[in-house]
Amino acid sequence: MLSKFRQYFAKIVDPIAKYIAKTGVSPNTLTILGVASSTIYLVFAWYNALIYAFIMVIFAGFFDVVDGAVARLLGKTSKVGEFLDSTLDRLSDAMLITGLLFMNINNFLVISLLILSFLVSYVRAKGELLGLKMEGIGLIERAERIIFISIIVIACMVNTLVANIIALVLLVLTLLTLVNRVLFVLKALT
């Protein structure tokens, strides 16, 4: 959904990406820093250091946004970079969602969210492989999931019941996105 507002976010992201591009940091390095942030988040979640876990979610989201922008600015978009980014995004997603287990989010919610998130990403990848434009299809994409996870982490600092309710909302939105994408692909292919 946020991808529909890309031109507005570009006004914020592009100057940051231009600055990073001038430093010589490669887009792949930024992708790896995103996964590193997710890994550190998982450690902080394990030790219940939630404020630090929250900060790492923000870093993971930041690196996820700027890696592609820097690649485009430097003219370094490539199939290898796309593959690496997509693969490491799934690893990052797994860590961000799994960390919720350590914050007393219901196990069923976390496992279901993990499965549905992977299916949402898979359906997008398969749809694009079949020649369909999948960006913006569905209620919630990766950026929104990261925002929701950061809100869940904050809520865990205050009230785990509220955090579980937010996780349930995220799960329902992810399920609706999956259904929406599957129906979109089926309609486009028939």
C-alpha atoms as a PDB file:
ATOM      1  CA  MET A   1       0.000   0.000   0.000  1.00  0.00           C
ATOM      2  CA  LEU A   2       2.815   2.437   0.841  1.00  0.00           C
ATOM      3  CA  SER A   3       4.317   1.694  -2.569  1.00  0.00           C
ATOM      4  CA  LYS A   4       1.397   3.670  -4.030  1.00  0.00           C
ATOM      5  CA  PHE A   5       2.891   6.748  -2.353  1.00  0.00           C
ATOM      6  CA  ARG A   6       6.428   6.117  -3.589  1.00  0.00           C
ATOM      7  CA  GLN A   7       6.777   9.558  -5.205  1.00  0.00           C
ATOM      8  CA  TYR A   8       6.056  11.232  -1.849  1.00  0.00           C
ATOM      9  CA  PHE A   9       8.508   9.038   0.043  1.00  0.00           C
ATOM     10  CA  ALA A  10      11.097   9.658  -2.666  1.00  0.00           C
ATOM     11  CA  LYS A  11      11.273  13.297  -1.542  1.00  0.00           C
ATOM     12  CA  ILE A  12      12.535  12.059   1.827  1.00  0.00           C
ATOM     13  CA  VAL A  13      14.481   8.969   0.768  1.00  0.00           C
ATOM     14  CA  ASP A  14      16.263  10.327  -2.318  1.00  0.00           C
ATOM     15  CA  PRO A  15      18.357  12.976  -0.515  1.00  0.00           C
ATOM     16  CA  ILE A  16      19.425  10.372   2.049  1.00  0.00           C
ATOM     17  CA  ALA A  17      20.192   7.855  -0.708  1.00  0.00           C
ATOM     18  CA  LYS A  18      22.212  10.495  -2.601  1.00  0.00           C
ATOM     19  CA  TYR A  19      24.274  11.184   0.501  1.00  0.00           C
ATOM     20  CA  ILE A  20      24.885   7.462   1.085  1.00  0.00           C
ATOM     21  CA  ALA A  21      25.735   6.951  -2.603  1.00  0.00           C
ATOM     22  CA  LYS A  22      28.429   9.646  -2.303  1.00  0.00           C
ATOM     23  CA  THR A  23      30.072   7.708   0.531  1.00  0.00           C
ATOM     24  CA  GLY A  24      30.715   4.767  -1.795  1.00  0.00           C
ATOM     25  CA  VAL A  25      28.734   2.253   0.259  1.00  0.00           C
ATOM     26  CA  SER A  26      27.383  -0.397  -2.100  1.00  0.00           C
ATOM     27  CA  PRO A  27      23.684  -1.302  -2.240  1.00  0.00           C
ATOM     28  CA  ASN A  28      24.557  -4.899  -1.314  1.00  0.00           C
ATOM     29  CA  THR A  29      26.336  -3.641   1.805  1.00  0.00           C
ATOM     30  CA  LEU A  30      23.170  -1.776   2.774  1.00  0.00           C
ATOM     31  CA  THR A  31      21.132  -4.943   2.237  1.00  0.00           C
ATOM     32  CA  ILE A  32      23.530  -6.866   4.485  1.00  0.00           C
ATOM     33  CA  LEU A  33      23.345  -4.097   7.102  1.00  0.00           C
ATOM     34  CA  GLY A  34      19.566  -4.544   7.048  1.00  0.00           C
ATOM     35  CA  VAL A  35      19.919  -8.246   7.814  1.00  0.00           C
ATOM     36  CA  ALA A  36      22.514  -7.462  10.485  1.00  0.00           C
ATOM     37  CA  SER A  37      20.041  -5.036  12.073  1.00  0.00           C
ATOM     38  CA  SER A  38      17.378  -7.762  12.064  1.00  0.00           C
ATOM     39  CA  THR A  39      19.829 -10.202  13.648  1.00  0.00           C
ATOM     40  CA  ILE A  40      20.709  -7.732  16.399  1.00  0.00           C
ATOM     41  CA  TYR A  41      16.973  -7.091  16.875  1.00  0.00           C
ATOM     42  CA  LEU A  42      16.474 -10.812  17.437  1.00  0.00           C
ATOM     43  CA  VAL A  43      19.175 -10.842  20.131  1.00  0.00           C
ATOM     44  CA  PHE A  44      17.638  -7.808  21.852  1.00  0.00           C
ATOM     45  CA  ALA A  45      14.201  -9.437  21.650  1.00  0.00           C
ATOM     46  CA  TRP A  46      15.630 -12.597  23.228  1.00  0.00           C
ATOM     47  CA  TYR A  47      17.012 -10.551  26.134  1.00  0.00           C
ATOM     48  CA  ASN A  48      13.802  -8.505  26.370  1.00  0.00           C
ATOM     49  CA  ALA A  49      15.694  -5.263  25.665  1.00  0.00           C
ATOM     50  CA  LEU A  50      12.701  -3.919  23.791  1.00  0.00           C
ATOM     51  CA  ILE A  51      13.773  -0.305  23.315  1.00  0.00           C
ATOM     52  CA  TYR A  52      16.926  -1.549  21.572  1.00  0.00           C
ATOM     53  CA  ALA A  53      14.882  -4.101  19.618  1.00  0.00           C
ATOM     54  CA  PHE A  54      12.651  -1.254  18.447  1.00  0.00           C
ATOM     55  CA  ILE A  55      15.679   0.770  17.325  1.00  0.00           C
ATOM     56  CA  MET A  56      16.960  -2.217  15.338  1.00  0.00           C
ATOM     57  CA  VAL A  57      13.575  -2.617  13.602  1.00  0.00           C
ATOM     58  CA  ILE A  58      13.854   1.027  12.546  1.00  0.00           C
ATOM     59  CA  PHE A  59      17.384   0.423  11.221  1.00  0.00           C
ATOM     60  CA  ALA A  60      16.263  -2.720   9.362  1.00  0.00           C
ATOM     61  CA  GLY A  61      13.437  -0.772   7.737  1.00  0.00           C
ATOM     62  CA  PHE A  62      15.751   2.128   6.903  1.00  0.00           C
ATOM     63  CA  PHE A  63      18.311  -0.093   5.163  1.00  0.00           C
ATOM     64  CA  ASP A  64      15.507  -1.884   3.312  1.00  0.00           C
ATOM     65  CA  VAL A  65      14.281   1.434   1.920  1.00  0.00           C
ATOM     66  CA  VAL A  66      17.645   2.917   0.965  1.00  0.00           C
ATOM     67  CA  ASP A  67      19.392  -0.110  -0.576  1.00  0.00           C
ATOM     68  CA  GLY A  68      17.239  -0.062  -3.700  1.00  0.00           C
ATOM     69  CA  ALA A  69      17.308   3.738  -3.949  1.00  0.00           C
ATOM     70  CA  VAL A  70      21.113   3.754  -3.769  1.00  0.00           C
ATOM     71  CA  ALA A  71      21.305   0.988  -6.390  1.00  0.00           C
ATOM     72  CA  ARG A  72      19.139   3.024  -8.769  1.00  0.00           C
ATOM     73  CA  LEU A  73      21.146   6.221  -8.158  1.00  0.00           C
ATOM     74  CA  LEU A  74      24.452   4.466  -8.783  1.00  0.00           C
ATOM     75  CA  GLY A  75      23.117   2.565 -11.787  1.00  0.00           C
ATOM     76  CA  LYS A  76      23.978  -0.671 -10.001  1.00  0.00           C
ATOM     77  CA  THR A  77      20.658  -2.447 -10.273  1.00  0.00           C
ATOM     78  CA  SER A  78      21.287  -6.028 -11.312  1.00  0.00           C
ATOM     79  CA  LYS A  79      19.685  -9.435 -11.249  1.00  0.00           C
ATOM     80  CA  VAL A  80      22.265 -10.529  -8.660  1.00  0.00           C
ATOM     81  CA  GLY A  81      21.414  -7.541  -6.468  1.00  0.00           C
ATOM     82  CA  GLU A  82      17.677  -8.152  -6.875  1.00  0.00           C
ATOM     83  CA  PHE A  83      18.097 -11.808  -5.956  1.00  0.00           C
ATOM     84  CA  LEU A  84      20.305 -11.026  -2.958  1.00  0.00           C
ATOM     85  CA  ASP A  85      17.927  -8.295  -1.760  1.00  0.00           C
ATOM     86  CA  SER A  86      14.839 -10.475  -2.103  1.00  0.00           C
ATOM     87  CA  THR A  87      16.454 -13.470  -0.414  1.00  0.00           C
ATOM     88  CA  LEU A  88      17.896 -11.470   2.466  1.00  0.00           C
ATOM     89  CA  ASP A  89      14.572  -9.641   2.872  1.00  0.00           C
ATOM     90  CA  ARG A  90      12.948 -13.014   3.583  1.00  0.00           C
ATOM     91  CA  LEU A  91      15.665 -13.813   6.134  1.00  0.00           C
ATOM     92  CA  SER A  92      15.123 -10.414   7.729  1.00  0.00           C
ATOM     93  CA  ASP A  93      11.347 -10.969   7.766  1.00  0.00           C
ATOM     94  CA  ALA A  94      11.850 -14.319   9.482  1.00  0.00           C
ATOM     95  CA  MET A  95      13.965 -12.740  12.214  1.00  0.00           C
ATOM     96  CA  LEU A  96      11.685  -9.745  12.723  1.00  0.00           C
ATOM     97  CA  ILE A  97       8.612 -11.953  13.042  1.00  0.00           C
ATOM     98  CA  THR A  98      10.335 -14.673  15.106  1.00  0.00           C
ATOM     99  CA  GLY A  99      11.496 -12.035  17.583  1.00  0.00           C
ATOM    100  CA  LEU A 100       7.847 -11.505  18.499  1.00  0.00           C
ATOM    101  CA  LEU A 101       7.869 -14.961  20.106  1.00  0.00           C
ATOM    102  CA  PHE A 102      10.272 -13.646  22.742  1.00  0.00           C
ATOM    103  CA  MET A 103       7.928 -10.742  23.525  1.00  0.00           C
ATOM    104  CA  ASN A 104       5.002 -12.908  24.618  1.00  0.00           C
ATOM    105  CA  ILE A 105       3.104 -12.598  21.371  1.00  0.00           C
ATOM    106  CA  ASN A 106       0.873 -15.639  20.928  1.00  0.00           C
ATOM    107  CA  ASN A 107       2.778 -18.491  19.251  1.00  0.00           C
ATOM    108  CA  PHE A 108      -0.074 -19.241  16.856  1.00  0.00           C
ATOM    109  CA  LEU A 109      -0.153 -15.603  15.728  1.00  0.00           C
ATOM    110  CA  VAL A 110       3.605 -15.495  15.184  1.00  0.00           C
ATOM    111  CA  ILE A 111       3.830 -18.775  13.280  1.00  0.00           C
ATOM    112  CA  SER A 112       0.771 -17.910  11.180  1.00  0.00           C
ATOM    113  CA  LEU A 113       2.200 -14.469  10.441  1.00  0.00           C
ATOM    114  CA  LEU A 114       5.512 -15.994   9.405  1.00  0.00           C
ATOM    115  CA  ILE A 115       3.828 -18.442   7.024  1.00  0.00           C
ATOM    116  CA  LEU A 116       1.453 -15.866   5.545  1.00  0.00           C
ATOM    117  CA  SER A 117       4.218 -13.282   5.098  1.00  0.00           C
ATOM    118  CA  PHE A 118       6.278 -15.784   3.140  1.00  0.00           C
ATOM    119  CA  LEU A 119       3.239 -16.728   1.050  1.00  0.00           C
ATOM    120  CA  VAL A 120       2.501 -13.060   0.292  1.00  0.00           C
ATOM    121  CA  SER A 121       6.093 -12.628  -0.906  1.00  0.00           C
ATOM    122  CA  TYR A 122       5.977 -15.901  -2.854  1.00  0.00           C
ATOM    123  CA  VAL A 123       2.755 -14.991  -4.667  1.00  0.00           C
ATOM    124  CA  ARG A 124       4.233 -11.622  -5.638  1.00  0.00           C
ATOM    125  CA  ALA A 125       7.427 -13.251  -6.933  1.00  0.00           C
ATOM    126  CA  LYS A 126       5.507 -15.922  -8.843  1.00  0.00           C
ATOM    127  CA  GLY A 127       3.092 -13.367 -10.283  1.00  0.00           C
ATOM    128  CA  GLU A 128       5.987 -11.208 -11.467  1.00  0.00           C
ATOM    129  CA  LEU A 129       7.681 -14.283 -12.943  1.00  0.00           C
ATOM    130  CA  LEU A 130       4.474 -14.849 -14.904  1.00  0.00           C
ATOM    131  CA  GLY A 131       4.720 -11.290 -16.228  1.00  0.00           C
ATOM    132  CA  LEU A 132       2.276  -9.515 -13.908  1.00  0.00           C
ATOM    133  CA  LYS A 133       2.887  -6.192 -12.179  1.00  0.00           C
ATOM    134  CA  MET A 134       2.369  -7.075  -8.510  1.00  0.00           C
ATOM    135  CA  GLU A 135       3.628  -3.969  -6.724  1.00  0.00           C
ATOM    136  CA  GLY A 136       0.883  -2.336  -4.683  1.00  0.00           C
ATOM    137  CA  ILE A 137      -1.460  -5.322  -4.892  1.00  0.00           C
ATOM    138  CA  GLY A 138      -2.957  -6.009  -1.469  1.00  0.00           C
ATOM    139  CA  LEU A 139      -3.458  -4.109   1.750  1.00  0.00           C
ATOM    140  CA  ILE A 140      -0.063  -4.647   3.301  1.00  0.00           C
ATOM    141  CA  GLU A 141       3.407  -5.083   1.859  1.00  0.00           C
ATOM    142  CA  ARG A 142       6.795  -5.460   3.509  1.00  0.00           C
ATOM    143  CA  ALA A 143       7.122  -1.803   4.515  1.00  0.00           C
ATOM    144  CA  GLU A 144       3.802  -1.911   6.332  1.00  0.00           C
ATOM    145  CA  ARG A 145       4.746  -5.172   8.058  1.00  0.00           C
ATOM    146  CA  ILE A 146       7.923  -3.563   9.365  1.00  0.00           C
ATOM    147  CA  ILE A 147       5.924  -0.576  10.626  1.00  0.00           C
ATOM    148  CA  PHE A 148       3.442  -2.912  12.328  1.00  0.00           C
ATOM    149  CA  ILE A 149       6.260  -4.906  13.931  1.00  0.00           C
ATOM    150  CA  SER A 150       7.806  -1.717  15.301  1.00  0.00           C
ATOM    151  CA  ILE A 151       4.402  -0.749  16.761  1.00  0.00           C
ATOM    152  CA  ILE A 152       4.032  -4.228  18.275  1.00  0.00           C
ATOM    153  CA  VAL A 153       7.459  -3.905  19.922  1.00  0.00           C
ATOM    154  CA  ILE A 154       6.442  -0.546  21.413  1.00  0.00           C
ATOM    155  CA  ALA A 155       3.118  -2.001  22.568  1.00  0.00           C
ATOM    156  CA  CYS A 156       4.964  -4.894  24.249  1.00  0.00           C
ATOM    157  CA  MET A 157       6.705  -2.335  26.457  1.00  0.00           C
ATOM    158  CA  VAL A 158       3.317  -1.175  27.704  1.00  0.00           C
ATOM    159  CA  ASN A 159       0.792  -4.004  27.470  1.00  0.00           C
ATOM    160  CA  THR A 160       1.213  -7.430  25.873  1.00  0.00           C
ATOM    161  CA  LEU A 161      -2.549  -7.825  25.397  1.00  0.00           C
ATOM    162  CA  VAL A 162      -2.589  -4.706  23.224  1.00  0.00           C
ATOM    163  CA  ALA A 163       0.518  -5.979  21.416  1.00  0.00           C
ATOM    164  CA  ASN A 164      -1.242  -9.292  20.710  1.00  0.00           C
ATOM    165  CA  ILE A 165      -4.292  -7.467  19.366  1.00  0.00           C
ATOM    166  CA  ILE A 166      -2.063  -5.437  17.030  1.00  0.00           C
ATOM    167  CA  ALA A 167      -0.358  -8.682  15.947  1.00  0.00           C
ATOM    168  CA  LEU A 168      -3.793 -10.159  15.220  1.00  0.00           C
ATOM    169  CA  VAL A 169      -4.673  -7.116  13.090  1.00  0.00           C
ATOM    170  CA  LEU A 170      -1.389  -7.566  11.210  1.00  0.00           C
ATOM    171  CA  LEU A 171      -2.187 -11.244  10.684  1.00  0.00           C
ATOM    172  CA  VAL A 172      -5.665 -10.477   9.309  1.00  0.00           C
ATOM    173  CA  LEU A 173      -4.306  -7.778   6.970  1.00  0.00           C
ATOM    174  CA  THR A 174      -1.591 -10.161   5.778  1.00  0.00           C
ATOM    175  CA  LEU A 175      -4.185 -12.880   5.125  1.00  0.00           C
ATOM    176  CA  LEU A 176      -6.366 -10.426   3.199  1.00  0.00           C
ATOM    177  CA  THR A 177      -3.325  -9.378   1.170  1.00  0.00           C
ATOM    178  CA  LEU A 178      -2.580 -13.006   0.338  1.00  0.00           C
ATOM    179  CA  VAL A 179      -6.160 -13.622  -0.782  1.00  0.00           C
ATOM    180  CA  ASN A 180      -6.154 -10.374  -2.773  1.00  0.00           C
ATOM    181  CA  ARG A 181      -2.919 -11.290  -4.555  1.00  0.00           C
ATOM    182  CA  VAL A 182      -4.002 -14.843  -5.317  1.00  0.00           C
ATOM    183  CA  LEU A 183      -7.294 -13.596  -6.769  1.00  0.00           C
ATOM    184  CA  PHE A 184      -5.453 -10.912  -8.762  1.00  0.00           C
ATOM    185  CA  VAL A 185      -3.103 -13.495 -10.292  1.00  0.00           C
ATOM    186  CA  LEU A 186      -5.904 -15.955 -11.039  1.00  0.00           C
ATOM    187  CA  LYS A 187      -8.014 -13.242 -12.683  1.00  0.00           C
ATOM    188  CA  ALA A 188      -5.070 -11.983 -14.738  1.00  0.00           C
ATOM    189  CA  LEU A 189      -4.171 -15.466 -15.949  1.00  0.00           C
ATOM    190  CA  THR A 190      -7.687 -16.592 -16.900  1.00  0.00           C
END
